[in-house]
Amino acid sequence: MTNMESEKVALKAYQSRVGIEAMFKDCKTGGYNLEGSHASKERLINLVLLIAIAYLCAVVQGREIKQKKVQKYVGRVKEYRRRYRRHSTFWVGLYGELWLSSLELCPDLVAQLMRLKPNKRSHFKRGQRAAKLIQSVT
């Protein structure tokens, strides 16, 4: 193996490690708080299985939201002068579900707010279109 090939292998392994560490953070303190559960051995197995299923659902939904290019509606994907994205695909999936839930829970409030700011109606219409796209994912 040449030096160039070994560098490519090492880089690919490191990139995988970064993704795995993000997943650990999402499942531990950054999301499902697995460490704080203090579950018994038997319950921990069930909890890990449940978290794996929920994590997969959130990641799949996050990927589909990103593919439809509406992630900017569910959370600040990138901050000004920030080089890398702000949220993982997992968080985009979770935020998408929360965003839709909030729109469904308070449509009257949203309508009242839009009457207060008629100049923002075009933004609201784009948001409604994004909500329909996100709903097609869920």
N, C-alpha and C. Protein backbone atom coordinates (compact mmCIF):
# COMPACT_ATOMS: atom_id res chain seq x y z
N MET A 1 0.85 -1.17 0.00
CA MET A 1 0.00 0.00 0.00
C MET A 1 0.90 1.24 0.00
N THR A 2 0.59 2.16 -0.89
CA THR A 2 1.38 3.38 -0.97
C THR A 2 1.01 4.33 0.16
N ASN A 3 1.85 5.32 0.32
CA ASN A 3 1.60 6.32 1.37
C ASN A 3 0.29 7.07 1.12
N MET A 4 0.00 7.37 -0.15
CA MET A 4 -1.24 8.08 -0.52
C MET A 4 -2.47 7.23 -0.20
N GLU A 5 -2.39 5.92 -0.50
CA GLU A 5 -3.52 5.03 -0.23
C GLU A 5 -3.75 4.90 1.27
N SER A 6 -2.68 4.80 2.04
CA SER A 6 -2.83 4.66 3.49
C SER A 6 -3.40 5.95 4.10
N GLU A 7 -3.07 7.09 3.53
CA GLU A 7 -3.65 8.35 4.00
C GLU A 7 -5.15 8.38 3.73
N LYS A 8 -5.57 7.89 2.57
CA LYS A 8 -7.00 7.86 2.23
C LYS A 8 -7.76 6.93 3.17
N VAL A 9 -7.16 5.78 3.49
CA VAL A 9 -7.79 4.83 4.41
C VAL A 9 -7.92 5.45 5.80
N ALA A 10 -6.85 6.10 6.25
CA ALA A 10 -6.87 6.74 7.57
C ALA A 10 -7.91 7.86 7.62
N LEU A 11 -7.99 8.65 6.56
CA LEU A 11 -8.97 9.74 6.51
C LEU A 11 -10.40 9.20 6.54
N LYS A 12 -10.65 8.13 5.80
CA LYS A 12 -11.99 7.53 5.78
C LYS A 12 -12.36 6.97 7.16
N ALA A 13 -11.39 6.34 7.83
CA ALA A 13 -11.64 5.81 9.17
C ALA A 13 -11.95 6.95 10.14
N TYR A 14 -11.23 8.04 10.03
CA TYR A 14 -11.46 9.18 10.93
C TYR A 14 -12.83 9.80 10.68
N GLN A 15 -13.22 9.91 9.41
CA GLN A 15 -14.54 10.46 9.09
C GLN A 15 -15.64 9.60 9.68
N SER A 16 -15.48 8.28 9.65
CA SER A 16 -16.45 7.38 10.26
C SER A 16 -16.51 7.60 11.77
N ARG A 17 -15.36 7.80 12.37
CA ARG A 17 -15.28 8.02 13.82
C ARG A 17 -16.04 9.28 14.22
N VAL A 18 -15.93 10.33 13.44
CA VAL A 18 -16.63 11.58 13.74
C VAL A 18 -18.14 11.34 13.73
N GLY A 19 -18.63 10.59 12.76
CA GLY A 19 -20.06 10.28 12.69
C GLY A 19 -20.52 9.44 13.86
N ILE A 20 -19.69 8.49 14.28
CA ILE A 20 -20.03 7.63 15.41
C ILE A 20 -20.08 8.46 16.70
N GLU A 21 -19.12 9.36 16.86
CA GLU A 21 -19.12 10.20 18.07
C GLU A 21 -20.35 11.11 18.11
N ALA A 22 -20.78 11.61 16.96
CA ALA A 22 -21.99 12.43 16.92
C ALA A 22 -23.21 11.59 17.33
N MET A 23 -23.24 10.34 16.88
CA MET A 23 -24.34 9.46 17.25
C MET A 23 -24.33 9.19 18.76
N PHE A 24 -23.15 8.95 19.33
CA PHE A 24 -23.06 8.74 20.78
C PHE A 24 -23.58 9.96 21.54
N LYS A 25 -23.21 11.14 21.08
CA LYS A 25 -23.67 12.37 21.74
C LYS A 25 -25.19 12.48 21.65
N ASP A 26 -25.74 12.18 20.47
CA ASP A 26 -27.18 12.24 20.29
C ASP A 26 -27.90 11.27 21.23
N CYS A 27 -27.33 10.10 21.44
CA CYS A 27 -27.98 9.09 22.28
C CYS A 27 -27.72 9.30 23.76
N LYS A 28 -26.69 10.03 24.08
CA LYS A 28 -26.36 10.21 25.49
C LYS A 28 -26.82 11.60 25.95
N THR A 29 -25.90 12.46 26.29
CA THR A 29 -26.26 13.76 26.87
C THR A 29 -26.88 14.72 25.88
N GLY A 30 -26.65 14.55 24.59
CA GLY A 30 -27.14 15.50 23.61
C GLY A 30 -28.51 15.20 23.07
N GLY A 31 -29.17 14.16 23.53
CA GLY A 31 -30.47 13.82 22.96
C GLY A 31 -31.33 12.99 23.88
N TYR A 32 -31.17 11.69 23.82
CA TYR A 32 -32.05 10.78 24.56
C TYR A 32 -31.65 10.59 26.02
N ASN A 33 -30.51 11.12 26.42
CA ASN A 33 -30.05 11.08 27.82
C ASN A 33 -30.02 9.65 28.37
N LEU A 34 -29.42 8.76 27.64
CA LEU A 34 -29.30 7.36 28.05
C LEU A 34 -28.57 7.22 29.37
N GLU A 35 -27.56 8.03 29.58
CA GLU A 35 -26.80 7.95 30.83
C GLU A 35 -27.64 8.30 32.05
N GLY A 36 -28.59 9.19 31.89
CA GLY A 36 -29.41 9.63 33.00
C GLY A 36 -30.56 8.69 33.33
N SER A 37 -30.71 7.62 32.58
CA SER A 37 -31.85 6.73 32.79
C SER A 37 -31.69 5.86 34.03
N HIS A 38 -30.47 5.52 34.40
CA HIS A 38 -30.20 4.66 35.55
C HIS A 38 -31.03 3.38 35.51
N ALA A 39 -31.15 2.79 34.32
CA ALA A 39 -31.96 1.59 34.14
C ALA A 39 -31.21 0.35 34.60
N SER A 40 -31.98 -0.66 35.01
CA SER A 40 -31.39 -1.94 35.37
C SER A 40 -30.88 -2.62 34.10
N LYS A 41 -30.15 -3.70 34.27
CA LYS A 41 -29.54 -4.39 33.12
C LYS A 41 -30.61 -4.82 32.11
N GLU A 42 -31.70 -5.41 32.59
CA GLU A 42 -32.75 -5.88 31.69
C GLU A 42 -33.45 -4.71 30.98
N ARG A 43 -33.74 -3.68 31.72
CA ARG A 43 -34.41 -2.52 31.12
C ARG A 43 -33.49 -1.75 30.19
N LEU A 44 -32.20 -1.76 30.50
CA LEU A 44 -31.24 -1.06 29.65
C LEU A 44 -31.22 -1.65 28.24
N ILE A 45 -31.29 -2.97 28.15
CA ILE A 45 -31.32 -3.63 26.84
C ILE A 45 -32.54 -3.16 26.05
N ASN A 46 -33.70 -3.16 26.70
CA ASN A 46 -34.92 -2.69 26.03
C ASN A 46 -34.83 -1.21 25.67
N LEU A 47 -34.26 -0.42 26.55
CA LEU A 47 -34.12 1.01 26.31
C LEU A 47 -33.18 1.28 25.13
N VAL A 48 -32.08 0.55 25.06
CA VAL A 48 -31.14 0.73 23.94
C VAL A 48 -31.82 0.36 22.62
N LEU A 49 -32.59 -0.71 22.63
CA LEU A 49 -33.31 -1.11 21.41
C LEU A 49 -34.32 -0.04 21.00
N LEU A 50 -35.05 0.48 21.96
CA LEU A 50 -36.03 1.53 21.68
C LEU A 50 -35.35 2.80 21.16
N ILE A 51 -34.24 3.16 21.77
CA ILE A 51 -33.49 4.34 21.33
C ILE A 51 -32.95 4.14 19.91
N ALA A 52 -32.48 2.93 19.61
CA ALA A 52 -31.97 2.65 18.26
C ALA A 52 -33.06 2.84 17.21
N ILE A 53 -34.26 2.37 17.51
CA ILE A 53 -35.38 2.52 16.57
C ILE A 53 -35.76 4.00 16.43
N ALA A 54 -35.87 4.69 17.55
CA ALA A 54 -36.22 6.12 17.51
C ALA A 54 -35.14 6.93 16.80
N TYR A 55 -33.88 6.59 17.05
CA TYR A 55 -32.76 7.30 16.41
C TYR A 55 -32.82 7.10 14.90
N LEU A 56 -33.05 5.86 14.48
CA LEU A 56 -33.14 5.57 13.05
C LEU A 56 -34.27 6.36 12.41
N CYS A 57 -35.43 6.41 13.07
CA CYS A 57 -36.57 7.17 12.52
C CYS A 57 -36.23 8.65 12.38
N ALA A 58 -35.59 9.22 13.39
CA ALA A 58 -35.24 10.64 13.35
C ALA A 58 -34.21 10.92 12.25
N VAL A 59 -33.22 10.03 12.10
CA VAL A 59 -32.20 10.23 11.07
C VAL A 59 -32.80 10.11 9.67
N VAL A 60 -33.66 9.12 9.48
CA VAL A 60 -34.31 8.95 8.16
C VAL A 60 -35.14 10.19 7.84
N GLN A 61 -35.91 10.67 8.81
CA GLN A 61 -36.72 11.86 8.58
C GLN A 61 -35.83 13.08 8.32
N GLY A 62 -34.74 13.21 9.07
CA GLY A 62 -33.81 14.32 8.86
C GLY A 62 -33.20 14.30 7.47
N ARG A 63 -32.83 13.11 7.00
CA ARG A 63 -32.27 13.00 5.64
C ARG A 63 -33.28 13.42 4.59
N GLU A 64 -34.52 12.98 4.77
CA GLU A 64 -35.55 13.33 3.78
C GLU A 64 -35.85 14.83 3.82
N ILE A 65 -35.83 15.42 5.00
CA ILE A 65 -36.04 16.86 5.11
C ILE A 65 -34.91 17.59 4.39
N LYS A 66 -33.69 17.12 4.58
CA LYS A 66 -32.54 17.75 3.91
C LYS A 66 -32.62 17.56 2.40
N GLN A 67 -33.06 16.38 1.94
CA GLN A 67 -33.18 16.14 0.51
C GLN A 67 -34.21 17.06 -0.13
N LYS A 68 -35.26 17.39 0.62
CA LYS A 68 -36.28 18.31 0.10
C LYS A 68 -35.88 19.77 0.29
N LYS A 69 -34.71 19.97 0.92
CA LYS A 69 -34.12 21.30 1.11
C LYS A 69 -35.01 22.25 1.90
N VAL A 70 -35.64 21.74 2.95
CA VAL A 70 -36.47 22.58 3.81
C VAL A 70 -35.96 22.58 5.25
N GLN A 71 -34.72 22.15 5.46
CA GLN A 71 -34.17 22.10 6.82
C GLN A 71 -34.04 23.46 7.45
N LYS A 72 -33.94 24.51 6.64
CA LYS A 72 -33.82 25.86 7.23
C LYS A 72 -35.09 26.26 7.97
N TYR A 73 -36.20 25.61 7.70
CA TYR A 73 -37.44 25.93 8.38
C TYR A 73 -37.55 25.24 9.75
N VAL A 74 -36.82 24.17 9.95
CA VAL A 74 -36.96 23.42 11.19
C VAL A 74 -35.88 23.76 12.21
N GLY A 75 -34.87 24.46 11.83
CA GLY A 75 -33.82 24.85 12.76
C GLY A 75 -32.73 25.60 12.05
N ARG A 76 -32.00 26.38 12.80
CA ARG A 76 -30.87 27.10 12.19
C ARG A 76 -29.82 26.08 11.81
N VAL A 77 -29.69 25.84 10.53
CA VAL A 77 -28.75 24.83 10.07
C VAL A 77 -27.32 25.34 10.19
N LYS A 78 -27.13 26.60 9.91
CA LYS A 78 -25.79 27.16 9.96
C LYS A 78 -25.87 28.59 10.50
N GLU A 79 -24.94 28.93 11.34
CA GLU A 79 -24.90 30.28 11.88
C GLU A 79 -23.93 31.13 11.06
N TYR A 80 -24.11 32.42 11.15
CA TYR A 80 -23.24 33.36 10.46
C TYR A 80 -21.79 33.11 10.88
N ARG A 81 -20.91 33.04 9.92
CA ARG A 81 -19.48 32.82 10.12
C ARG A 81 -19.12 31.46 10.72
N ARG A 82 -20.06 30.59 10.78
CA ARG A 82 -19.79 29.24 11.27
C ARG A 82 -19.45 28.38 10.07
N ARG A 83 -18.37 27.63 10.17
CA ARG A 83 -17.88 26.88 9.03
C ARG A 83 -18.69 25.61 8.77
N TYR A 84 -19.13 24.96 9.83
CA TYR A 84 -19.81 23.68 9.69
C TYR A 84 -21.27 23.81 10.07
N ARG A 85 -22.05 22.84 9.65
CA ARG A 85 -23.49 22.85 9.96
C ARG A 85 -23.71 22.82 11.46
N ARG A 86 -24.82 23.34 11.85
CA ARG A 86 -25.13 23.48 13.27
C ARG A 86 -25.73 22.20 13.85
N HIS A 87 -26.60 21.54 13.14
CA HIS A 87 -27.32 20.38 13.68
C HIS A 87 -27.06 19.13 12.85
N SER A 88 -27.06 18.00 13.54
CA SER A 88 -26.91 16.72 12.86
C SER A 88 -28.22 16.38 12.16
N THR A 89 -28.16 15.38 11.30
CA THR A 89 -29.35 14.90 10.61
C THR A 89 -30.38 14.43 11.62
N PHE A 90 -29.92 13.85 12.71
CA PHE A 90 -30.79 13.41 13.80
C PHE A 90 -31.61 14.58 14.34
N TRP A 91 -30.94 15.69 14.65
CA TRP A 91 -31.64 16.85 15.21
C TRP A 91 -32.57 17.49 14.20
N VAL A 92 -32.20 17.49 12.93
CA VAL A 92 -33.09 18.05 11.91
C VAL A 92 -34.38 17.22 11.86
N GLY A 93 -34.26 15.90 11.97
CA GLY A 93 -35.44 15.04 12.00
C GLY A 93 -36.32 15.31 13.21
N LEU A 94 -35.70 15.44 14.39
CA LEU A 94 -36.48 15.73 15.60
C LEU A 94 -37.13 17.11 15.53
N TYR A 95 -36.36 18.11 15.10
CA TYR A 95 -36.91 19.46 15.00
C TYR A 95 -38.04 19.52 13.97
N GLY A 96 -37.94 18.75 12.91
CA GLY A 96 -39.00 18.72 11.92
C GLY A 96 -40.32 18.28 12.53
N GLU A 97 -40.26 17.25 13.36
CA GLU A 97 -41.47 16.76 14.02
C GLU A 97 -42.01 17.81 15.01
N LEU A 98 -41.13 18.44 15.75
CA LEU A 98 -41.56 19.48 16.69
C LEU A 98 -42.17 20.68 15.97
N TRP A 99 -41.56 21.05 14.86
CA TRP A 99 -42.04 22.19 14.08
C TRP A 99 -43.45 21.93 13.57
N LEU A 100 -43.68 20.73 13.04
CA LEU A 100 -45.01 20.39 12.55
C LEU A 100 -46.03 20.34 13.68
N SER A 101 -45.62 19.78 14.81
CA SER A 101 -46.54 19.70 15.96
C SER A 101 -46.97 21.09 16.42
N SER A 102 -46.01 22.00 16.47
CA SER A 102 -46.36 23.35 16.93
C SER A 102 -47.28 24.06 15.93
N LEU A 103 -47.08 23.82 14.64
CA LEU A 103 -47.97 24.43 13.65
C LEU A 103 -49.38 23.87 13.76
N GLU A 104 -49.49 22.57 14.07
CA GLU A 104 -50.81 21.95 14.19
C GLU A 104 -51.51 22.36 15.48
N LEU A 105 -50.75 22.62 16.53
CA LEU A 105 -51.34 22.95 17.83
C LEU A 105 -51.86 24.38 17.92
N CYS A 106 -51.25 25.28 17.16
CA CYS A 106 -51.67 26.68 17.33
C CYS A 106 -51.87 27.39 15.99
N PRO A 107 -52.76 26.88 15.13
CA PRO A 107 -52.99 27.56 13.85
C PRO A 107 -53.63 28.93 14.02
N ASP A 108 -54.46 29.09 15.05
CA ASP A 108 -55.12 30.39 15.28
C ASP A 108 -54.09 31.46 15.65
N LEU A 109 -53.14 31.08 16.48
CA LEU A 109 -52.09 32.00 16.88
C LEU A 109 -51.25 32.41 15.67
N VAL A 110 -50.93 31.45 14.82
CA VAL A 110 -50.16 31.75 13.61
C VAL A 110 -50.94 32.72 12.72
N ALA A 111 -52.23 32.47 12.56
CA ALA A 111 -53.06 33.37 11.73
C ALA A 111 -53.10 34.78 12.32
N GLN A 112 -53.20 34.89 13.64
CA GLN A 112 -53.21 36.21 14.28
C GLN A 112 -51.87 36.93 14.07
N LEU A 113 -50.80 36.19 14.21
CA LEU A 113 -49.48 36.80 14.00
C LEU A 113 -49.32 37.28 12.56
N MET A 114 -49.86 36.54 11.61
CA MET A 114 -49.74 36.94 10.21
C MET A 114 -50.57 38.20 9.92
N ARG A 115 -51.67 38.36 10.63
CA ARG A 115 -52.45 39.59 10.44
C ARG A 115 -51.70 40.80 10.99
N LEU A 116 -50.88 40.57 12.01
CA LEU A 116 -50.10 41.67 12.59
C LEU A 116 -48.97 42.11 11.66
N LYS A 117 -48.45 41.19 10.88
CA LYS A 117 -47.31 41.47 9.99
C LYS A 117 -47.63 41.05 8.56
N PRO A 118 -48.50 41.77 7.87
CA PRO A 118 -48.88 41.36 6.50
C PRO A 118 -47.70 41.39 5.52
N ASN A 119 -46.68 42.19 5.82
CA ASN A 119 -45.53 42.24 4.91
C ASN A 119 -44.70 40.95 4.97
N LYS A 120 -44.95 40.10 5.95
CA LYS A 120 -44.24 38.82 6.09
C LYS A 120 -45.02 37.65 5.48
N ARG A 121 -46.12 37.95 4.80
CA ARG A 121 -46.98 36.90 4.25
C ARG A 121 -46.24 35.97 3.29
N SER A 122 -45.34 36.50 2.50
CA SER A 122 -44.61 35.64 1.55
C SER A 122 -43.74 34.63 2.30
N HIS A 123 -43.16 35.06 3.41
CA HIS A 123 -42.36 34.14 4.23
C HIS A 123 -43.26 33.05 4.82
N PHE A 124 -44.43 33.48 5.27
CA PHE A 124 -45.39 32.54 5.84
C PHE A 124 -45.80 31.50 4.80
N LYS A 125 -46.04 31.94 3.59
CA LYS A 125 -46.44 31.02 2.51
C LYS A 125 -45.33 30.01 2.23
N ARG A 126 -44.07 30.47 2.23
CA ARG A 126 -42.95 29.54 2.03
C ARG A 126 -42.88 28.54 3.19
N GLY A 127 -43.15 29.02 4.39
CA GLY A 127 -43.17 28.14 5.55
C GLY A 127 -44.27 27.10 5.46
N GLN A 128 -45.44 27.50 4.96
CA GLN A 128 -46.54 26.55 4.79
C GLN A 128 -46.18 25.49 3.75
N ARG A 129 -45.54 25.93 2.68
CA ARG A 129 -45.11 24.96 1.66
C ARG A 129 -44.09 24.00 2.23
N ALA A 130 -43.17 24.51 3.02
CA ALA A 130 -42.17 23.65 3.67
C ALA A 130 -42.84 22.66 4.61
N ALA A 131 -43.86 23.13 5.34
CA ALA A 131 -44.58 22.24 6.25
C ALA A 131 -45.23 21.09 5.48
N LYS A 132 -45.81 21.40 4.34
CA LYS A 132 -46.41 20.33 3.52
C LYS A 132 -45.36 19.34 3.05
N LEU A 133 -44.19 19.84 2.66
CA LEU A 133 -43.11 18.95 2.24
C LEU A 133 -42.64 18.07 3.41
N ILE A 134 -42.51 18.67 4.58
CA ILE A 134 -42.08 17.92 5.74
C ILE A 134 -43.14 16.89 6.15
N GLN A 135 -44.41 17.27 6.04
CA GLN A 135 -45.48 16.33 6.37
C GLN A 135 -45.47 15.14 5.42
N SER A 136 -45.06 15.35 4.19
CA SER A 136 -45.00 14.23 3.25
C SER A 136 -43.89 13.26 3.63
N VAL A 137 -42.93 13.73 4.43
CA VAL A 137 -41.83 12.88 4.89
C VAL A 137 -42.29 12.02 6.05
N THR A 138 -43.11 12.60 6.94
CA THR A 138 -43.50 11.89 8.17
C THR A 138 -44.58 10.88 7.92
